[in-house]
Amino acid sequence: MSHPAMMMPCVPRPHSPVSTAQVVASAHSSAPLARTERGENQAFIIGITGGSASGKTSFAEKILKMLPNERVVIVSQDNFYRGLTPEEQDSAADFNFDHPDALDWEAMYHALADLRERKRVEIPTYDYVTHTRSHVVRELWNYDVVLFEGILTFYQHPKFCLTPLMDLKIFVETDSDTRLARRVLRDTKTRGRTVESVLEQYERFVKPAYDQFIAPLKRKADVIIPWGDYSGNVFNDDGNWKQVHYPALDMIVEHIQTKLAACSRQGMPTRSVSPMTKTVAEI
């Protein structure tokens, strides 16, 4: 079935990313955090990227928690890994999941373009055991804000470039030692990996991919967020949410709220239909 979404060329914008300090300073300026060219009733798309285990997902979850009354959804790039061929499955340990070729860019582009237009979208689920698409999909539609996170969300694909669809682009920056330590902890605890295998994968695939595909695209970001030991910044130990002191996060949330309020004042029907998230099994 053909898709109505129009592919947009990757045209670099002549601007420099801003740091946390610059974000805070912008609170006293009338300049927006990002130049947006959205239609009257389009969703607000926020792209979030950074290295593996930099804290992209946790950062997106903090934004989600701070906008409890808005219709916000997180979509992960990891859902769009393509299924491996039988030959690739035979040597899955040697497959580079940090390379752009590991992703289904066409499906990812059309899903984000349709979410921007508030259309019904089926988000696939990737099975990390079989390295194939699961029979379960997540059905989404009519959200005001879409937080799209992943290591390659800023990658300039020649045909299915995602950055022109984004209204705000955020780079989550965490030093390499912290990212490696988090990855070792995560993969040994949740994925049954050995420390040796995690380190080997990091040296073979993760670090080279970061240097080649992720770090150079930091220049595409509108905002760069230092996100090292984030746990003490936005919530306390017993899990009750409260603002402590993280002005960059406050600024981003305030910017989103301002955009949504402007849409409401202009009479756009942003809340005419209830948002939906439904998991359905394919037959």
Foldseek 3Di string as FASTA:
>chain_A
DDAPDDWDADDADPDFADELVVLLVCVPPPDALFDDDADLQFAAEEEEAEAAQLCRVVLLVLLCVVPVPFFEDEDEQVLFFAADDPVCQVVVLPDFCLDPVRGDLVLVLRQLSCQRVQHKHWRWHADPVRRHTALKTKIWGQGRYYYYYDHQLCFRDRTRRRVNSHRAYEYRDEDPVQNLVSQLVCCVPPVVDDSVSSVVSCVPHRVVSCVPRHVVCSRRHSYYYHCYPPVPQFPDDVGDTDGDDRVSSVSVSVSSVVVVVVSVVVVRPSPVDDIDIDMDGHD
